[in-house]
N, C-alpha and C. Protein backbone atom coordinates (compact mmCIF):
# COMPACT_ATOMS: atom_id res chain seq x y z
N UNK A 1 0.82 -1.19 0.00
CA UNK A 1 0.00 0.00 0.00
C UNK A 1 0.87 1.26 0.00
N UNK A 2 1.98 1.23 0.71
CA UNK A 2 2.86 2.39 0.79
C UNK A 2 3.48 2.70 -0.57
N UNK A 3 3.86 1.67 -1.31
CA UNK A 3 4.44 1.88 -2.65
C UNK A 3 3.41 2.54 -3.58
N UNK A 4 2.17 2.13 -3.47
CA UNK A 4 1.13 2.72 -4.29
C UNK A 4 0.97 4.21 -3.99
N UNK A 5 1.00 4.57 -2.72
CA UNK A 5 0.88 5.98 -2.33
C UNK A 5 2.04 6.80 -2.88
N UNK A 6 3.25 6.27 -2.79
CA UNK A 6 4.43 6.97 -3.31
C UNK A 6 4.31 7.13 -4.83
N UNK A 7 3.90 6.06 -5.52
CA UNK A 7 3.72 6.13 -6.97
C UNK A 7 2.64 7.14 -7.34
N UNK A 8 1.53 7.12 -6.62
CA UNK A 8 0.43 8.05 -6.90
C UNK A 8 0.87 9.50 -6.68
N UNK A 9 1.61 9.75 -5.62
CA UNK A 9 2.11 11.09 -5.33
C UNK A 9 3.09 11.55 -6.42
N UNK A 10 3.99 10.67 -6.84
CA UNK A 10 4.95 11.01 -7.89
C UNK A 10 4.22 11.31 -9.21
N UNK A 11 3.21 10.53 -9.52
CA UNK A 11 2.44 10.77 -10.75
C UNK A 11 1.70 12.09 -10.67
N UNK A 12 1.15 12.41 -9.53
CA UNK A 12 0.44 13.68 -9.35
C UNK A 12 1.39 14.87 -9.49
N UNK A 13 2.56 14.79 -8.89
CA UNK A 13 3.55 15.87 -9.00
C UNK A 13 4.01 16.01 -10.45
N UNK A 14 4.25 14.92 -11.12
CA UNK A 14 4.66 14.97 -12.52
C UNK A 14 3.60 15.57 -13.42
N UNK A 15 2.36 15.22 -13.20
CA UNK A 15 1.27 15.76 -13.99
C UNK A 15 1.08 17.24 -13.73
N UNK A 16 1.16 17.65 -12.48
CA UNK A 16 0.97 19.06 -12.16
C UNK A 16 2.11 19.91 -12.71
N UNK A 17 3.33 19.40 -12.70
CA UNK A 17 4.45 20.17 -13.24
C UNK A 17 4.33 20.27 -14.76
N UNK A 18 3.84 19.24 -15.43
CA UNK A 18 3.62 19.31 -16.88
C UNK A 18 2.55 20.34 -17.19
N UNK A 19 1.48 20.34 -16.44
CA UNK A 19 0.40 21.30 -16.66
C UNK A 19 0.88 22.72 -16.42
N UNK A 20 1.65 22.93 -15.38
CA UNK A 20 2.16 24.27 -15.08
C UNK A 20 3.11 24.75 -16.17
N UNK A 21 3.94 23.87 -16.70
CA UNK A 21 4.88 24.30 -17.74
C UNK A 21 4.17 24.58 -19.04
N UNK A 22 3.09 23.89 -19.33
CA UNK A 22 2.35 24.11 -20.58
C UNK A 22 1.45 25.34 -20.49
N UNK A 23 1.08 25.76 -19.29
CA UNK A 23 0.10 26.83 -19.16
C UNK A 23 0.68 28.21 -19.46
N UNK A 24 1.98 28.38 -19.43
CA UNK A 24 2.54 29.71 -19.67
C UNK A 24 2.99 29.89 -21.11
N UNK A 25 2.86 28.90 -21.95
CA UNK A 25 3.21 29.03 -23.36
C UNK A 25 2.16 29.84 -24.08
N UNK A 26 2.60 30.81 -24.82
CA UNK A 26 1.64 31.60 -25.57
C UNK A 26 2.22 32.88 -26.09
N UNK A 27 1.34 33.78 -26.51
CA UNK A 27 1.74 35.02 -27.15
C UNK A 27 1.01 36.20 -26.53
N UNK A 28 1.76 37.24 -26.21
CA UNK A 28 1.19 38.52 -25.82
C UNK A 28 1.05 39.34 -27.08
N UNK A 29 -0.13 39.85 -27.32
CA UNK A 29 -0.40 40.71 -28.46
C UNK A 29 -0.65 42.12 -27.94
N UNK A 30 0.07 43.10 -28.47
CA UNK A 30 -0.02 44.49 -28.01
C UNK A 30 -0.69 45.33 -29.10
N UNK A 31 -1.65 46.16 -28.70
CA UNK A 31 -2.41 46.98 -29.63
C UNK A 31 -2.25 48.46 -29.27
N UNK A 32 -2.35 49.31 -30.28
CA UNK A 32 -2.33 50.75 -29.99
C UNK A 32 -3.73 51.20 -29.59
N UNK A 33 -3.91 52.51 -29.37
CA UNK A 33 -5.20 53.05 -28.92
C UNK A 33 -6.31 52.85 -29.94
N UNK A 34 -5.96 52.67 -31.20
CA UNK A 34 -6.96 52.48 -32.25
C UNK A 34 -7.25 51.01 -32.52
N UNK A 35 -6.59 50.10 -31.78
CA UNK A 35 -6.84 48.67 -31.95
C UNK A 35 -5.99 48.00 -33.01
N UNK A 36 -4.93 48.66 -33.45
CA UNK A 36 -4.03 48.10 -34.45
C UNK A 36 -2.91 47.33 -33.74
N UNK A 37 -2.63 46.11 -34.21
CA UNK A 37 -1.57 45.29 -33.63
C UNK A 37 -0.22 45.96 -33.86
N UNK A 38 0.52 46.24 -32.78
CA UNK A 38 1.80 46.93 -32.89
C UNK A 38 2.96 46.13 -32.31
N UNK A 39 2.69 45.00 -31.63
CA UNK A 39 3.76 44.20 -31.04
C UNK A 39 3.24 42.79 -30.78
N UNK A 40 4.16 41.85 -30.78
CA UNK A 40 3.85 40.46 -30.46
C UNK A 40 5.04 39.87 -29.73
N UNK A 41 4.78 39.13 -28.65
CA UNK A 41 5.85 38.49 -27.89
C UNK A 41 5.43 37.06 -27.60
N UNK A 42 6.10 36.09 -28.22
CA UNK A 42 5.81 34.68 -28.05
C UNK A 42 6.86 34.09 -27.12
N UNK A 43 6.42 33.34 -26.11
CA UNK A 43 7.33 32.74 -25.13
C UNK A 43 6.93 31.32 -24.81
N UNK A 44 7.92 30.48 -24.56
CA UNK A 44 7.68 29.09 -24.19
C UNK A 44 7.40 28.18 -25.36
N UNK A 45 7.65 28.63 -26.58
CA UNK A 45 7.32 27.85 -27.77
C UNK A 45 8.55 27.50 -28.60
N UNK A 46 9.71 27.49 -27.97
CA UNK A 46 10.99 27.13 -28.58
C UNK A 46 11.29 27.92 -29.83
N UNK A 47 11.24 27.32 -31.01
CA UNK A 47 11.65 28.01 -32.24
C UNK A 47 10.69 29.13 -32.64
N UNK A 48 9.49 29.16 -32.09
CA UNK A 48 8.54 30.22 -32.39
C UNK A 48 8.72 31.43 -31.46
N UNK A 49 9.57 31.31 -30.43
CA UNK A 49 9.79 32.41 -29.50
C UNK A 49 10.37 33.62 -30.22
N UNK A 50 9.91 34.78 -29.83
CA UNK A 50 10.45 36.00 -30.41
C UNK A 50 9.58 37.19 -30.07
N UNK A 51 10.08 38.35 -30.46
CA UNK A 51 9.38 39.58 -30.18
C UNK A 51 9.63 40.57 -31.29
N UNK A 52 8.63 41.38 -31.59
CA UNK A 52 8.78 42.47 -32.55
C UNK A 52 7.84 43.59 -32.16
N UNK A 53 8.11 44.79 -32.57
CA UNK A 53 7.19 45.91 -32.37
C UNK A 53 7.43 46.73 -31.13
N UNK A 54 6.37 47.43 -30.72
CA UNK A 54 6.41 48.37 -29.61
C UNK A 54 5.42 47.92 -28.55
N UNK A 55 5.90 47.72 -27.32
CA UNK A 55 5.04 47.28 -26.21
C UNK A 55 4.14 48.42 -25.74
N UNK A 56 2.86 48.11 -25.53
CA UNK A 56 1.89 49.08 -25.02
C UNK A 56 1.16 48.47 -23.81
N UNK A 57 0.34 49.27 -23.16
CA UNK A 57 -0.45 48.78 -22.02
C UNK A 57 -1.68 48.01 -22.47
N UNK A 58 -2.10 48.18 -23.71
CA UNK A 58 -3.27 47.51 -24.26
C UNK A 58 -2.82 46.17 -24.83
N UNK A 59 -2.95 45.09 -24.02
CA UNK A 59 -2.42 43.79 -24.44
C UNK A 59 -3.40 42.67 -24.14
N UNK A 60 -3.23 41.57 -24.87
CA UNK A 60 -4.05 40.37 -24.73
C UNK A 60 -3.12 39.17 -24.77
N UNK A 61 -3.36 38.18 -23.91
CA UNK A 61 -2.57 36.95 -23.90
C UNK A 61 -3.34 35.84 -24.58
N UNK A 62 -2.71 35.17 -25.53
CA UNK A 62 -3.31 34.03 -26.24
C UNK A 62 -2.49 32.80 -25.85
N UNK A 63 -3.13 31.84 -25.18
CA UNK A 63 -2.42 30.66 -24.71
C UNK A 63 -2.19 29.67 -25.82
N UNK A 64 -1.06 28.97 -25.76
CA UNK A 64 -0.72 27.94 -26.72
C UNK A 64 0.25 28.46 -27.77
N UNK A 65 0.92 27.55 -28.42
CA UNK A 65 1.92 27.89 -29.43
C UNK A 65 1.28 27.84 -30.81
N UNK A 66 1.48 28.90 -31.56
CA UNK A 66 0.96 28.93 -32.92
C UNK A 66 1.86 29.82 -33.75
N UNK A 67 1.92 29.56 -35.02
CA UNK A 67 2.71 30.39 -35.92
C UNK A 67 2.08 31.76 -36.05
N UNK A 68 2.90 32.79 -36.16
CA UNK A 68 2.35 34.13 -36.30
C UNK A 68 1.68 34.27 -37.65
N UNK A 69 0.63 35.08 -37.67
CA UNK A 69 -0.11 35.24 -38.93
C UNK A 69 -0.15 36.69 -39.34
């Protein structure tokens, strides 16, 4: 019974760390006052990571990795 508890705890920790690492992958999209996209910052997506443009306070986070369009 003790081995099962240790295995269950290890599986739970592994699953939660995978979920936590996947939840921060995504892109911040920055817009100007007129709603025009002026910046994009992708993080946690390996080869898709990058940034361009001008950062503003008007921003939206899109979760998940996707190619820029």
